[in-house]
Amino acid sequence: PGKIYAFQVRARTAVGYGPYSGKMYFQTLMGGEHSEMVQDRLPLIVGSALGGLAFLVIAAIAILAIIFK
């Protein structure tokens, strides 16, 4: 917990490897921070799930309307 990591990525194609990207730094969470982050993102998760569900319901209604029309 609390460690800092540096990442670099590069693409691999049929002709070989590309150049490395710039370094990106990430820090892992401390012990109690995880639960706080989940609570902060909970509205986003719930909203996304409800939006996806609404899309599926509307798509199902549209498909049933096309089939039975």
N, C-alpha and C. Protein backbone atom coordinates (compact mmCIF):
# COMPACT_ATOMS: atom_id res chain seq x y z
N PRO A 1 0.82 -1.21 0.00
CA PRO A 1 0.00 0.00 0.00
C PRO A 1 0.86 1.26 0.00
N GLY A 2 0.41 2.25 -0.75
CA GLY A 2 1.10 3.53 -0.78
C GLY A 2 2.34 3.56 -1.66
N LYS A 3 2.55 2.59 -2.50
CA LYS A 3 3.72 2.55 -3.40
C LYS A 3 3.45 3.34 -4.67
N ILE A 4 4.50 3.88 -5.27
CA ILE A 4 4.39 4.61 -6.53
C ILE A 4 5.02 3.75 -7.63
N TYR A 5 4.28 3.59 -8.72
CA TYR A 5 4.76 2.80 -9.85
C TYR A 5 4.79 3.67 -11.10
N ALA A 6 5.78 3.44 -11.96
CA ALA A 6 5.88 4.15 -13.24
C ALA A 6 5.63 3.15 -14.35
N PHE A 7 4.81 3.55 -15.33
CA PHE A 7 4.48 2.68 -16.45
C PHE A 7 4.84 3.36 -17.76
N GLN A 8 5.29 2.56 -18.71
CA GLN A 8 5.47 3.01 -20.08
C GLN A 8 4.86 1.94 -20.97
N VAL A 9 4.22 2.36 -22.04
CA VAL A 9 3.63 1.40 -22.97
C VAL A 9 4.16 1.66 -24.36
N ARG A 10 4.06 0.64 -25.20
CA ARG A 10 4.41 0.80 -26.61
C ARG A 10 3.59 -0.18 -27.43
N ALA A 11 3.34 0.19 -28.66
CA ALA A 11 2.52 -0.63 -29.55
C ALA A 11 3.37 -1.68 -30.23
N ARG A 12 2.76 -2.81 -30.52
CA ARG A 12 3.41 -3.86 -31.30
C ARG A 12 2.55 -4.11 -32.53
N THR A 13 3.12 -3.95 -33.69
CA THR A 13 2.40 -4.17 -34.94
C THR A 13 3.09 -5.26 -35.74
N ALA A 14 2.60 -5.48 -36.95
CA ALA A 14 3.20 -6.50 -37.81
C ALA A 14 4.63 -6.14 -38.20
N VAL A 15 4.97 -4.87 -38.19
CA VAL A 15 6.32 -4.44 -38.58
C VAL A 15 7.25 -4.30 -37.38
N GLY A 16 6.76 -4.54 -36.18
CA GLY A 16 7.61 -4.49 -35.00
C GLY A 16 7.04 -3.60 -33.92
N TYR A 17 7.91 -3.23 -33.00
CA TYR A 17 7.50 -2.42 -31.85
C TYR A 17 7.66 -0.94 -32.16
N GLY A 18 6.75 -0.14 -31.60
CA GLY A 18 6.83 1.30 -31.72
C GLY A 18 7.63 1.88 -30.56
N PRO A 19 7.71 3.20 -30.49
CA PRO A 19 8.45 3.83 -29.40
C PRO A 19 7.66 3.75 -28.08
N TYR A 20 8.38 3.86 -26.98
CA TYR A 20 7.74 3.89 -25.66
C TYR A 20 7.01 5.21 -25.46
N SER A 21 5.93 5.17 -24.71
CA SER A 21 5.22 6.39 -24.35
C SER A 21 5.99 7.08 -23.23
N GLY A 22 5.52 8.27 -22.85
CA GLY A 22 6.09 8.92 -21.68
C GLY A 22 5.73 8.14 -20.43
N LYS A 23 6.45 8.37 -19.36
CA LYS A 23 6.17 7.66 -18.12
C LYS A 23 4.88 8.19 -17.49
N MET A 24 4.09 7.27 -16.98
CA MET A 24 2.88 7.61 -16.24
C MET A 24 3.05 7.04 -14.83
N TYR A 25 2.79 7.85 -13.83
CA TYR A 25 2.99 7.44 -12.45
C TYR A 25 1.66 7.20 -11.76
N PHE A 26 1.58 6.11 -11.02
CA PHE A 26 0.39 5.76 -10.26
C PHE A 26 0.80 5.38 -8.85
N GLN A 27 -0.05 5.75 -7.90
CA GLN A 27 0.21 5.38 -6.52
C GLN A 27 -0.91 4.48 -6.03
N THR A 28 -0.51 3.38 -5.40
CA THR A 28 -1.51 2.47 -4.85
C THR A 28 -2.14 3.10 -3.61
N LEU A 29 -3.32 2.64 -3.27
CA LEU A 29 -4.06 3.20 -2.15
C LEU A 29 -3.49 2.72 -0.82
N MET A 30 -3.73 3.54 0.19
CA MET A 30 -3.41 3.13 1.55
C MET A 30 -4.55 2.23 2.03
N GLY A 31 -4.47 1.68 3.19
CA GLY A 31 -5.45 0.72 3.69
C GLY A 31 -6.89 1.17 3.65
N GLY A 32 -7.27 2.32 4.23
CA GLY A 32 -8.66 2.72 4.35
C GLY A 32 -9.17 3.54 3.19
N GLU A 33 -8.32 3.89 2.24
CA GLU A 33 -8.74 4.77 1.15
C GLU A 33 -9.67 4.07 0.17
N HIS A 34 -9.58 2.76 0.07
CA HIS A 34 -10.37 2.04 -0.93
C HIS A 34 -11.86 2.21 -0.68
N SER A 35 -12.28 2.08 0.56
CA SER A 35 -13.71 2.18 0.86
C SER A 35 -14.22 3.59 0.59
N GLU A 36 -13.39 4.61 0.84
CA GLU A 36 -13.81 5.98 0.57
C GLU A 36 -13.97 6.21 -0.93
N MET A 37 -13.06 5.64 -1.74
CA MET A 37 -13.15 5.81 -3.19
C MET A 37 -14.41 5.14 -3.73
N VAL A 38 -14.74 3.97 -3.23
CA VAL A 38 -15.93 3.26 -3.69
C VAL A 38 -17.17 4.08 -3.36
N GLN A 39 -17.22 4.67 -2.16
CA GLN A 39 -18.38 5.48 -1.79
C GLN A 39 -18.48 6.73 -2.65
N ASP A 40 -17.34 7.31 -3.04
CA ASP A 40 -17.36 8.49 -3.90
C ASP A 40 -17.87 8.15 -5.30
N ARG A 41 -17.60 6.97 -5.77
CA ARG A 41 -17.98 6.58 -7.13
C ARG A 41 -19.31 5.84 -7.19
N LEU A 42 -19.91 5.58 -6.08
CA LEU A 42 -21.17 4.82 -6.06
C LEU A 42 -22.27 5.46 -6.90
N PRO A 43 -22.50 6.78 -6.84
CA PRO A 43 -23.53 7.36 -7.70
C PRO A 43 -23.24 7.17 -9.18
N LEU A 44 -21.99 7.24 -9.56
CA LEU A 44 -21.61 7.03 -10.96
C LEU A 44 -21.90 5.59 -11.38
N ILE A 45 -21.57 4.65 -10.53
CA ILE A 45 -21.80 3.23 -10.85
C ILE A 45 -23.29 2.94 -10.96
N VAL A 46 -24.08 3.43 -10.00
CA VAL A 46 -25.52 3.19 -10.01
C VAL A 46 -26.16 3.86 -11.22
N GLY A 47 -25.76 5.10 -11.52
CA GLY A 47 -26.32 5.80 -12.67
C GLY A 47 -25.99 5.10 -13.98
N SER A 48 -24.77 4.62 -14.10
CA SER A 48 -24.38 3.89 -15.31
C SER A 48 -25.17 2.60 -15.46
N ALA A 49 -25.35 1.89 -14.37
CA ALA A 49 -26.10 0.64 -14.42
C ALA A 49 -27.56 0.90 -14.80
N LEU A 50 -28.17 1.92 -14.22
CA LEU A 50 -29.56 2.24 -14.56
C LEU A 50 -29.69 2.72 -16.00
N GLY A 51 -28.73 3.49 -16.47
CA GLY A 51 -28.74 3.93 -17.87
C GLY A 51 -28.64 2.75 -18.83
N GLY A 52 -27.76 1.81 -18.51
CA GLY A 52 -27.63 0.61 -19.34
C GLY A 52 -28.89 -0.23 -19.33
N LEU A 53 -29.50 -0.36 -18.16
CA LEU A 53 -30.75 -1.10 -18.06
C LEU A 53 -31.86 -0.43 -18.85
N ALA A 54 -31.96 0.88 -18.78
CA ALA A 54 -32.97 1.62 -19.54
C ALA A 54 -32.77 1.42 -21.04
N PHE A 55 -31.52 1.44 -21.48
CA PHE A 55 -31.23 1.21 -22.90
C PHE A 55 -31.68 -0.19 -23.33
N LEU A 56 -31.39 -1.19 -22.50
CA LEU A 56 -31.80 -2.55 -22.85
C LEU A 56 -33.31 -2.70 -22.90
N VAL A 57 -34.02 -2.07 -21.98
CA VAL A 57 -35.48 -2.13 -21.98
C VAL A 57 -36.05 -1.47 -23.22
N ILE A 58 -35.55 -0.30 -23.57
CA ILE A 58 -36.02 0.41 -24.77
C ILE A 58 -35.71 -0.40 -26.02
N ALA A 59 -34.52 -0.99 -26.09
CA ALA A 59 -34.17 -1.82 -27.24
C ALA A 59 -35.08 -3.04 -27.34
N ALA A 60 -35.39 -3.68 -26.22
CA ALA A 60 -36.27 -4.85 -26.24
C ALA A 60 -37.67 -4.46 -26.69
N ILE A 61 -38.17 -3.32 -26.22
CA ILE A 61 -39.50 -2.87 -26.64
C ILE A 61 -39.51 -2.57 -28.13
N ALA A 62 -38.46 -1.94 -28.63
CA ALA A 62 -38.39 -1.63 -30.07
C ALA A 62 -38.35 -2.91 -30.89
N ILE A 63 -37.57 -3.88 -30.46
CA ILE A 63 -37.48 -5.15 -31.21
C ILE A 63 -38.82 -5.88 -31.19
N LEU A 64 -39.49 -5.91 -30.04
CA LEU A 64 -40.79 -6.57 -29.96
C LEU A 64 -41.82 -5.83 -30.82
N ALA A 65 -41.75 -4.52 -30.87
CA ALA A 65 -42.68 -3.75 -31.71
C ALA A 65 -42.45 -4.05 -33.19
N ILE A 66 -41.20 -4.20 -33.60
CA ILE A 66 -40.91 -4.52 -34.99
C ILE A 66 -41.36 -5.94 -35.34
N ILE A 67 -41.13 -6.88 -34.43
CA ILE A 67 -41.50 -8.27 -34.69
C ILE A 67 -43.01 -8.45 -34.80
N PHE A 68 -43.77 -7.85 -33.89
CA PHE A 68 -45.20 -8.07 -33.85
C PHE A 68 -46.00 -7.08 -34.70
N LYS A 69 -45.34 -6.19 -35.39
CA LYS A 69 -46.05 -5.22 -36.21
C LYS A 69 -46.45 -5.79 -37.55
